[in-house]
C-alpha atoms as a PDB file:
ATOM      1  CA  MET A   1      14.818  53.626 245.972  1.00  0.00           C
ATOM      2  CA  ARG A   2      14.623  56.258 243.262  1.00  0.00           C
ATOM      3  CA  ASP A   3      18.322  57.029 242.807  1.00  0.00           C
ATOM      4  CA  ALA A   4      20.400  56.030 239.769  1.00  0.00           C
ATOM      5  CA  TYR A   5      22.718  53.718 241.710  1.00  0.00           C
ATOM      6  CA  ALA A   6      19.779  51.576 242.793  1.00  0.00           C
ATOM      7  CA  ASN A   7      18.061  51.552 239.375  1.00  0.00           C
ATOM      8  CA  VAL A   8      20.727  51.282 236.648  1.00  0.00           C
ATOM      9  CA  THR A   9      23.762  49.155 235.922  1.00  0.00           C
ATOM     10  CA  VAL A  10      26.251  48.926 233.043  1.00  0.00           C
ATOM     11  CA  ARG A  11      27.662  45.780 231.451  1.00  0.00           C
ATOM     12  CA  GLU A  12      30.432  45.576 228.845  1.00  0.00           C
ATOM     13  CA  THR A  13      29.617  44.000 225.484  1.00  0.00           C
ATOM     14  CA  LEU A  14      32.619  45.041 223.331  1.00  0.00           C
ATOM     15  CA  ALA A  15      35.841  45.565 225.277  1.00  0.00           C
ATOM     16  CA  ILE A  16      37.713  48.805 224.577  1.00  0.00           C
ATOM     17  CA  VAL A  17      40.565  47.697 222.320  1.00  0.00           C
ATOM     18  CA  ALA A  18      42.228  48.636 219.032  1.00  0.00           C
ATOM     19  CA  ARG A  19      40.145  46.988 216.315  1.00  0.00           C
ATOM     20  CA  THR A  20      41.000  46.231 212.699  1.00  0.00           C
ATOM     21  CA  ALA A  21      38.506  43.404 212.161  1.00  0.00           C
ATOM     22  CA  SER A  22      34.824  42.665 212.639  1.00  0.00           C
ATOM     23  CA  ALA A  23      33.768  41.296 216.027  1.00  0.00           C
ATOM     24  CA  ASN A  24      30.759  40.178 218.025  1.00  0.00           C
ATOM     25  CA  GLY A  25      30.344  41.483 221.541  1.00  0.00           C
ATOM     26  CA  THR A  26      29.473  39.409 224.581  1.00  0.00           C
ATOM     27  CA  GLY A  27      25.763  38.946 225.202  1.00  0.00           C
ATOM     28  CA  VAL A  28      24.385  40.995 228.093  1.00  0.00           C
ATOM     29  CA  ASP A  29      21.549  39.470 230.106  1.00  0.00           C
ATOM     30  CA  ARG A  30      18.693  41.903 230.762  1.00  0.00           C
ATOM     31  CA  ALA A  31      17.855  39.672 233.731  1.00  0.00           C
ATOM     32  CA  ALA A  32      21.254  40.390 235.313  1.00  0.00           C
ATOM     33  CA  SER A  33      21.501  39.402 238.991  1.00  0.00           C
ATOM     34  CA  GLY A  34      18.028  37.840 238.737  1.00  0.00           C
ATOM     35  CA  ILE A  35      16.366  41.220 238.115  1.00  0.00           C
ATOM     36  CA  MET A  36      14.660  41.807 234.765  1.00  0.00           C
ATOM     37  CA  PHE A  37      15.485  45.286 233.490  1.00  0.00           C
ATOM     38  CA  GLN A  38      12.707  46.939 231.491  1.00  0.00           C
ATOM     39  CA  ASP A  39      14.893  49.420 229.603  1.00  0.00           C
ATOM     40  CA  ALA A  40      18.258  49.224 227.864  1.00  0.00           C
ATOM     41  CA  ALA A  41      20.606  51.376 225.788  1.00  0.00           C
ATOM     42  CA  ILE A  42      23.823  50.575 223.984  1.00  0.00           C
ATOM     43  CA  ILE A  43      26.632  53.072 224.550  1.00  0.00           C
ATOM     44  CA  VAL A  44      29.531  53.125 222.085  1.00  0.00           C
ATOM     45  CA  HIS A  45      32.625  55.075 223.117  1.00  0.00           C
ATOM     46  CA  THR A  46      35.536  55.833 220.794  1.00  0.00           C
ATOM     47  CA  GLY A  47      39.153  56.745 221.276  1.00  0.00           C
ATOM     48  CA  THR A  48      41.417  57.391 218.303  1.00  0.00           C
ATOM     49  CA  ILE A  49      40.073  56.147 214.961  1.00  0.00           C
ATOM     50  CA  THR A  50      42.812  56.158 212.335  1.00  0.00           C
ATOM     51  CA  ASP A  51      41.133  54.569 209.325  1.00  0.00           C
ATOM     52  CA  GLY A  52      38.354  52.396 207.968  1.00  0.00           C
ATOM     53  CA  THR A  53      34.668  52.232 208.678  1.00  0.00           C
ATOM     54  CA  HIS A  54      33.365  50.510 211.787  1.00  0.00           C
ATOM     55  CA  ALA A  55      29.603  49.872 211.546  1.00  0.00           C
ATOM     56  CA  ILE A  56      27.924  49.072 214.852  1.00  0.00           C
ATOM     57  CA  ASP A  57      24.997  46.646 214.833  1.00  0.00           C
ATOM     58  CA  VAL A  58      22.761  46.198 217.885  1.00  0.00           C
ATOM     59  CA  GLN A  59      21.723  42.556 218.149  1.00  0.00           C
ATOM     60  CA  GLU A  60      19.187  40.664 220.275  1.00  0.00           C
ATOM     61  CA  SER A  61      18.595  37.060 221.324  1.00  0.00           C
ATOM     62  CA  ASP A  62      16.206  34.925 223.347  1.00  0.00           C
ATOM     63  CA  ASP A  63      18.874  32.381 224.284  1.00  0.00           C
ATOM     64  CA  ASN A  64      22.290  34.164 224.201  1.00  0.00           C
ATOM     65  CA  THR A  65      23.272  31.887 221.287  1.00  0.00           C
ATOM     66  CA  THR A  66      21.342  32.950 218.189  1.00  0.00           C
ATOM     67  CA  PHE A  67      21.587  36.723 217.699  1.00  0.00           C
ATOM     68  CA  THR A  68      19.821  38.784 215.040  1.00  0.00           C
ATOM     69  CA  SER A  69      19.997  42.475 214.164  1.00  0.00           C
ATOM     70  CA  VAL A  70      17.418  44.580 215.983  1.00  0.00           C
ATOM     71  CA  ALA A  71      14.759  46.052 213.685  1.00  0.00           C
ATOM     72  CA  ALA A  72      15.044  49.825 213.270  1.00  0.00           C
ATOM     73  CA  ALA A  73      11.540  50.247 214.761  1.00  0.00           C
ATOM     74  CA  GLU A  74      12.865  48.748 218.027  1.00  0.00           C
ATOM     75  CA  LEU A  75      15.759  51.236 218.291  1.00  0.00           C
ATOM     76  CA  GLN A  76      15.865  54.801 219.496  1.00  0.00           C
ATOM     77  CA  GLY A  77      18.480  56.740 217.572  1.00  0.00           C
ATOM     78  CA  THR A  78      20.763  55.446 214.843  1.00  0.00           C
ATOM     79  CA  GLU A  79      23.399  52.751 215.013  1.00  0.00           C
ATOM     80  CA  PRO A  80      26.695  54.558 214.419  1.00  0.00           C
ATOM     81  CA  SER A  81      29.083  54.026 211.548  1.00  0.00           C
ATOM     82  CA  ILE A  82      32.411  55.175 212.953  1.00  0.00           C
ATOM     83  CA  GLY A  83      35.132  56.670 210.773  1.00  0.00           C
ATOM     84  CA  ALA A  84      38.418  58.570 211.012  1.00  0.00           C
ATOM     85  CA  THR A  85      36.697  61.827 212.018  1.00  0.00           C
ATOM     86  CA  ASP A  86      34.983  60.231 215.028  1.00  0.00           C
ATOM     87  CA  ASP A  87      37.742  60.389 217.655  1.00  0.00           C
ATOM     88  CA  ASN A  88      36.639  60.602 221.291  1.00  0.00           C
ATOM     89  CA  LYS A  89      32.897  60.454 220.716  1.00  0.00           C
ATOM     90  CA  MET A  90      30.053  58.728 222.481  1.00  0.00           C
ATOM     91  CA  TYR A  91      26.948  57.308 220.818  1.00  0.00           C
ATOM     92  CA  VAL A  92      23.786  56.124 222.558  1.00  0.00           C
ATOM     93  CA  VAL A  93      21.191  53.857 220.951  1.00  0.00           C
ATOM     94  CA  GLY A  94      18.044  52.999 222.910  1.00  0.00           C
ATOM     95  CA  TYR A  95      16.442  49.553 222.761  1.00  0.00           C
ATOM     96  CA  LYS A  96      12.641  49.142 222.882  1.00  0.00           C
ATOM     97  CA  GLY A  97      12.498  45.406 222.188  1.00  0.00           C
ATOM     98  CA  THR A  98      11.646  42.545 224.505  1.00  0.00           C
ATOM     99  CA  LYS A  99      14.448  40.031 223.974  1.00  0.00           C
ATOM    100  CA  ARG A 100      16.408  38.967 227.040  1.00  0.00           C
ATOM    101  CA  TYR A 101      19.951  39.289 225.632  1.00  0.00           C
ATOM    102  CA  LEU A 102      21.625  42.211 223.854  1.00  0.00           C
ATOM    103  CA  ARG A 103      25.040  42.754 222.333  1.00  0.00           C
ATOM    104  CA  ALA A 104      26.868  45.079 220.002  1.00  0.00           C
ATOM    105  CA  ALA A 105      28.613  43.714 216.936  1.00  0.00           C
ATOM    106  CA  VAL A 106      30.906  45.606 214.585  1.00  0.00           C
ATOM    107  CA  THR A 107      31.651  45.187 210.909  1.00  0.00           C
ATOM    108  CA  ALA A 108      35.028  46.741 210.129  1.00  0.00           C
ATOM    109  CA  SER A 109      36.078  47.506 206.557  1.00  0.00           C
ATOM    110  CA  GLY A 110      38.943  49.362 204.901  1.00  0.00           C
ATOM    111  CA  THR A 111      41.101  49.166 208.013  1.00  0.00           C
ATOM    112  CA  THR A 112      44.858  49.098 208.285  1.00  0.00           C
ATOM    113  CA  SER A 113      45.376  50.364 211.819  1.00  0.00           C
ATOM    114  CA  GLY A 114      41.651  50.708 212.606  1.00  0.00           C
ATOM    115  CA  GLY A 115      40.617  52.403 215.801  1.00  0.00           C
ATOM    116  CA  ILE A 116      40.092  52.139 219.529  1.00  0.00           C
ATOM    117  CA  TYR A 117      36.510  51.789 220.735  1.00  0.00           C
ATOM    118  CA  GLY A 118      34.172  49.679 222.795  1.00  0.00           C
ATOM    119  CA  ALA A 119      30.526  49.342 223.758  1.00  0.00           C
ATOM    120  CA  SER A 120      28.508  48.824 226.903  1.00  0.00           C
ATOM    121  CA  VAL A 121      24.869  48.079 227.642  1.00  0.00           C
ATOM    122  CA  LEU A 122      23.114  50.341 230.128  1.00  0.00           C
ATOM    123  CA  LEU A 123      20.310  48.491 231.919  1.00  0.00           C
ATOM    124  CA  ALA A 124      17.644  50.569 233.679  1.00  0.00           C
ATOM    125  CA  ASN A 125      14.310  50.344 235.474  1.00  0.00           C
ATOM    126  CA  PRO A 126      14.551  46.943 237.140  1.00  0.00           C
ATOM    127  CA  ARG A 127      11.357  45.207 238.185  1.00  0.00           C
ATOM    128  CA  ASN A 128      12.843  44.999 241.691  1.00  0.00           C
ATOM    129  CA  ALA A 129      15.281  47.504 243.166  1.00  0.00           C
ATOM    130  CA  PRO A 130      17.893  48.015 244.396  1.00  0.00           C
ATOM    131  CA  VAL A 131      20.212  46.671 241.706  1.00  0.00           C
ATOM    132  CA  VAL A 132      23.179  44.510 242.714  1.00  0.00           C
ATOM    133  CA  GLN A 133      26.150  46.263 241.120  1.00  0.00           C
ATOM    134  CA  PRO A 134      28.970  44.130 239.677  1.00  0.00           C
END
């Protein structure tokens, strides 16, 4: 099975909501559905951003409890810092690390009304295909 449907899946880490405060996303298991995915990317999607700065931090964990920021050497691309000029944009950050769990976290500052955005984790290249979609 060499098609995308059988080899990739997407899991939400930060729900798409209006944000005015910092938040931690839900951990995403790279062994989703019992299949270890070899590759991952974090996708951040924005709606209307009215004010403040919203710094995205990609985090990793071995146990889905203790998360740490991913070292820059383990990322492909740059973690976005979202501001008022970033309406309706999409950012992709690749992950080259080996930890089982990933999430996006955001540090919001200078917000009054904030902005609408969320993040998902794209999991690709499972050790066994096809992928069981949610």
